[in-house]
N, C-alpha and C. Protein backbone atom coordinates (compact mmCIF):
# COMPACT_ATOMS: atom_id res chain seq x y z
N MET A 1 -43.81 -9.60 1.59
CA MET A 1 -43.19 -8.84 2.69
C MET A 1 -41.86 -8.41 2.49
N ALA A 2 -41.11 -9.02 1.55
CA ALA A 2 -39.75 -8.52 1.25
C ALA A 2 -39.75 -7.09 0.79
N SER A 3 -40.81 -6.76 -0.04
CA SER A 3 -40.80 -5.37 -0.67
C SER A 3 -41.19 -4.54 0.50
N GLN A 4 -41.97 -4.85 1.47
CA GLN A 4 -42.24 -3.98 2.44
C GLN A 4 -41.12 -3.58 3.30
N ALA A 5 -40.36 -4.59 3.63
CA ALA A 5 -39.20 -4.39 4.44
C ALA A 5 -38.25 -3.53 3.68
N LEU A 6 -38.09 -3.71 2.38
CA LEU A 6 -37.13 -2.89 1.52
C LEU A 6 -37.69 -1.44 1.69
N PHE A 7 -38.73 -1.24 1.25
CA PHE A 7 -39.43 0.10 1.17
C PHE A 7 -39.23 0.74 2.60
N THR A 8 -39.40 0.14 3.66
CA THR A 8 -39.45 0.61 5.00
C THR A 8 -37.99 0.92 5.31
N GLY A 9 -37.00 0.12 4.81
CA GLY A 9 -35.59 0.48 5.11
C GLY A 9 -35.19 1.75 4.32
N LEU A 10 -35.66 1.84 3.21
CA LEU A 10 -35.48 3.12 2.37
C LEU A 10 -36.11 4.30 3.05
N GLU A 11 -37.25 4.28 3.51
CA GLU A 11 -38.01 5.35 4.17
C GLU A 11 -37.23 5.77 5.47
N LEU A 12 -36.79 4.75 6.17
CA LEU A 12 -36.13 5.04 7.43
C LEU A 12 -34.81 5.67 7.22
N GLY A 13 -34.14 5.46 6.00
CA GLY A 13 -32.69 5.65 5.86
C GLY A 13 -31.84 4.71 6.22
N LEU A 14 -32.21 3.52 6.61
CA LEU A 14 -31.35 2.43 7.18
C LEU A 14 -30.00 2.22 6.41
N PHE A 15 -30.36 2.06 5.05
CA PHE A 15 -29.26 1.77 4.07
C PHE A 15 -28.26 2.78 4.24
N ASP A 16 -28.54 4.04 4.09
CA ASP A 16 -27.53 5.21 4.24
C ASP A 16 -26.80 5.28 5.56
N ARG A 17 -27.47 4.95 6.61
CA ARG A 17 -26.98 4.81 7.94
C ARG A 17 -25.89 3.76 8.03
N ILE A 18 -26.22 2.64 7.60
CA ILE A 18 -25.37 1.48 7.54
C ILE A 18 -24.14 1.65 6.64
N ALA A 19 -24.24 2.24 5.56
CA ALA A 19 -23.29 2.62 4.59
C ALA A 19 -22.36 3.53 5.17
N GLU A 20 -22.84 4.53 5.98
CA GLU A 20 -21.87 5.44 6.76
C GLU A 20 -21.16 4.81 7.67
N ALA A 21 -21.51 3.72 8.24
CA ALA A 21 -20.86 3.07 9.29
C ALA A 21 -19.59 2.37 8.68
N GLY A 22 -19.67 2.07 7.46
CA GLY A 22 -18.66 1.47 6.58
C GLY A 22 -18.54 -0.05 6.82
N ALA A 23 -17.24 -0.68 6.61
CA ALA A 23 -17.21 -2.17 6.56
C ALA A 23 -17.20 -2.52 7.99
N ALA A 24 -16.96 -1.78 9.04
CA ALA A 24 -16.97 -2.17 10.36
C ALA A 24 -18.57 -2.55 10.85
N GLY A 25 -19.36 -1.90 10.13
CA GLY A 25 -20.84 -2.32 10.53
C GLY A 25 -21.34 -1.41 11.60
N ILE A 26 -22.58 -1.58 11.95
CA ILE A 26 -23.25 -0.92 13.03
C ILE A 26 -24.29 -1.81 13.67
N ASP A 27 -24.51 -1.48 15.04
CA ASP A 27 -25.30 -2.27 15.72
C ASP A 27 -26.72 -1.71 15.90
N VAL A 28 -27.75 -2.60 16.41
CA VAL A 28 -29.13 -1.96 16.42
C VAL A 28 -29.23 -0.84 17.32
N THR A 29 -28.52 -0.77 18.31
CA THR A 29 -28.61 0.47 19.13
C THR A 29 -28.15 1.71 18.54
N ALA A 30 -27.16 1.70 17.87
CA ALA A 30 -26.47 2.92 17.03
C ALA A 30 -27.54 3.16 15.89
N LEU A 31 -28.16 2.11 15.29
CA LEU A 31 -29.09 2.36 14.07
C LEU A 31 -30.30 3.16 14.83
N ARG A 32 -30.83 2.61 15.76
CA ARG A 32 -31.95 3.36 16.43
C ARG A 32 -31.67 4.83 16.65
N ALA A 33 -30.54 5.19 17.25
CA ALA A 33 -30.12 6.52 17.36
C ALA A 33 -29.94 7.38 16.05
N ALA A 34 -29.17 6.68 15.16
CA ALA A 34 -28.93 7.20 13.89
C ALA A 34 -30.21 7.58 13.06
N CYS A 35 -31.22 6.63 13.07
CA CYS A 35 -32.42 6.86 12.33
C CYS A 35 -33.47 7.61 13.12
N GLY A 36 -33.28 7.76 14.34
CA GLY A 36 -34.37 8.31 15.06
C GLY A 36 -35.60 7.54 15.22
N CYS A 37 -35.33 6.24 15.22
CA CYS A 37 -36.45 5.29 15.29
C CYS A 37 -36.09 4.37 16.44
N ASP A 38 -37.06 4.54 17.38
CA ASP A 38 -36.99 3.76 18.62
C ASP A 38 -38.10 2.64 18.62
N ALA A 39 -38.55 2.30 17.49
CA ALA A 39 -39.67 1.39 17.50
C ALA A 39 -39.18 0.04 17.93
N PRO A 40 -39.87 -0.80 18.75
CA PRO A 40 -39.59 -2.10 19.15
C PRO A 40 -39.38 -2.99 18.07
N ARG A 41 -39.78 -2.75 16.82
CA ARG A 41 -39.93 -3.86 15.76
C ARG A 41 -38.67 -3.35 14.76
N LEU A 42 -37.77 -2.63 15.13
CA LEU A 42 -36.72 -2.41 14.30
C LEU A 42 -35.84 -3.63 14.23
N GLN A 43 -35.61 -4.28 15.27
CA GLN A 43 -35.03 -5.62 15.15
C GLN A 43 -35.48 -6.58 14.16
N THR A 44 -36.89 -6.64 14.15
CA THR A 44 -37.60 -7.58 13.28
C THR A 44 -37.42 -7.08 11.85
N LEU A 45 -37.40 -5.83 11.61
CA LEU A 45 -37.12 -5.33 10.30
C LEU A 45 -35.80 -5.66 9.84
N LEU A 46 -34.75 -5.57 10.64
CA LEU A 46 -33.37 -5.80 10.33
C LEU A 46 -33.36 -7.32 9.96
N THR A 47 -33.71 -8.14 10.74
CA THR A 47 -33.85 -9.54 10.58
C THR A 47 -34.50 -9.91 9.24
N SER A 48 -35.64 -9.32 9.01
CA SER A 48 -36.14 -9.57 7.61
C SER A 48 -35.40 -9.08 6.47
N LEU A 49 -34.53 -8.06 6.61
CA LEU A 49 -33.71 -7.53 5.47
C LEU A 49 -32.36 -8.43 5.42
N VAL A 50 -32.01 -9.06 6.48
CA VAL A 50 -30.93 -10.07 6.48
C VAL A 50 -31.49 -11.32 5.69
N ALA A 51 -32.72 -11.71 6.07
CA ALA A 51 -33.26 -12.89 5.50
C ALA A 51 -33.42 -12.80 3.94
N VAL A 52 -33.70 -11.56 3.41
CA VAL A 52 -33.69 -11.52 1.84
C VAL A 52 -32.53 -10.97 1.34
N LYS A 53 -31.38 -10.95 2.17
CA LYS A 53 -30.09 -10.70 1.68
C LYS A 53 -29.69 -9.28 1.33
N CYS A 54 -30.44 -8.53 1.87
CA CYS A 54 -30.16 -7.00 1.70
C CYS A 54 -29.13 -6.62 2.77
N LEU A 55 -28.99 -7.03 3.86
CA LEU A 55 -28.01 -6.87 4.80
C LEU A 55 -27.32 -8.18 5.32
N ARG A 56 -26.15 -7.91 5.92
CA ARG A 56 -25.53 -8.98 6.48
C ARG A 56 -25.24 -8.65 8.03
N ARG A 57 -25.44 -9.71 8.80
CA ARG A 57 -25.35 -9.70 10.27
C ARG A 57 -24.05 -10.48 10.71
N SER A 58 -23.16 -9.88 11.41
CA SER A 58 -21.98 -10.59 11.88
C SER A 58 -22.37 -11.31 13.12
N ALA A 59 -21.59 -12.26 13.55
CA ALA A 59 -21.76 -12.92 14.88
C ALA A 59 -21.79 -11.94 16.04
N ASP A 60 -21.17 -10.87 15.77
CA ASP A 60 -21.11 -9.71 16.91
C ASP A 60 -22.47 -8.96 17.00
N GLY A 61 -23.28 -9.06 16.00
CA GLY A 61 -24.52 -8.33 15.81
C GLY A 61 -24.27 -7.07 15.13
N LEU A 62 -23.33 -6.88 14.37
CA LEU A 62 -23.10 -5.68 13.56
C LEU A 62 -23.78 -5.96 12.01
N TYR A 63 -24.39 -4.81 11.60
CA TYR A 63 -25.00 -5.01 10.31
C TYR A 63 -24.15 -4.25 9.22
N THR A 64 -23.87 -4.97 8.13
CA THR A 64 -23.38 -4.28 6.89
C THR A 64 -24.23 -4.60 5.73
N LEU A 65 -24.00 -3.87 4.68
CA LEU A 65 -24.74 -3.88 3.36
C LEU A 65 -24.29 -5.10 2.61
N SER A 66 -25.19 -5.73 1.81
CA SER A 66 -24.80 -6.64 0.84
C SER A 66 -24.25 -5.75 -0.42
N PRO A 67 -23.45 -6.41 -1.32
CA PRO A 67 -22.87 -5.67 -2.29
C PRO A 67 -24.06 -4.91 -3.37
N ASN A 68 -25.13 -5.66 -3.51
CA ASN A 68 -26.15 -5.11 -4.37
C ASN A 68 -26.91 -3.95 -3.66
N THR A 69 -27.23 -4.11 -2.41
CA THR A 69 -27.74 -3.04 -1.53
C THR A 69 -26.91 -1.78 -1.53
N ALA A 70 -25.56 -2.02 -1.36
CA ALA A 70 -24.72 -0.90 -1.36
C ALA A 70 -24.73 -0.02 -2.69
N ARG A 71 -25.01 -0.94 -3.76
CA ARG A 71 -24.89 -0.33 -5.03
C ARG A 71 -26.19 0.53 -5.42
N PHE A 72 -27.21 -0.20 -5.12
CA PHE A 72 -28.60 0.34 -5.62
C PHE A 72 -29.55 0.97 -4.63
N MET A 73 -29.33 0.82 -3.35
CA MET A 73 -30.29 1.35 -2.31
C MET A 73 -29.56 2.55 -1.36
N VAL A 74 -28.21 2.87 -1.71
CA VAL A 74 -27.80 3.98 -0.88
C VAL A 74 -27.83 5.15 -1.78
N SER A 75 -28.39 6.21 -1.04
CA SER A 75 -28.79 7.44 -1.80
C SER A 75 -27.68 8.22 -2.47
N THR A 76 -26.57 8.04 -2.01
CA THR A 76 -25.44 8.73 -2.61
C THR A 76 -24.64 7.84 -3.69
N SER A 77 -25.16 6.64 -3.94
CA SER A 77 -24.55 5.85 -5.00
C SER A 77 -25.15 6.42 -6.35
N ARG A 78 -24.20 6.48 -7.35
CA ARG A 78 -24.76 6.78 -8.70
C ARG A 78 -25.76 5.97 -9.26
N HIS A 79 -25.71 4.71 -8.70
CA HIS A 79 -26.73 3.77 -9.24
C HIS A 79 -28.02 3.62 -8.51
N PHE A 80 -28.18 4.59 -7.58
CA PHE A 80 -29.32 4.46 -6.56
C PHE A 80 -30.72 4.25 -7.32
N TYR A 81 -31.37 3.35 -6.92
CA TYR A 81 -32.72 2.96 -7.66
C TYR A 81 -33.69 3.04 -6.68
N GLY A 82 -33.64 3.55 -5.54
CA GLY A 82 -34.71 3.73 -4.44
C GLY A 82 -35.64 4.80 -4.75
N ASP A 83 -35.46 5.60 -5.67
CA ASP A 83 -36.39 6.71 -5.95
C ASP A 83 -37.44 6.28 -7.07
N TYR A 84 -37.41 5.07 -7.49
CA TYR A 84 -38.36 4.72 -8.53
C TYR A 84 -39.59 4.05 -7.97
């Protein structure tokens, strides 16, 4: 299931959108708008990505990238690995 969550995050552009938000993070409502995804299971996907340590969730409900996700899963990174 972890790989499915990772690939879905890549396909939706979640990692890029969270990276654009910077260190402050982004909440699920803003992510829905940024990704054009109003699916009711977006929260479930985000929870899965937090569980496998791709994302971090603050007490305020804001999502940020883990260091490895920022390095390898953001399409503007020179180490981007998501196209393999």
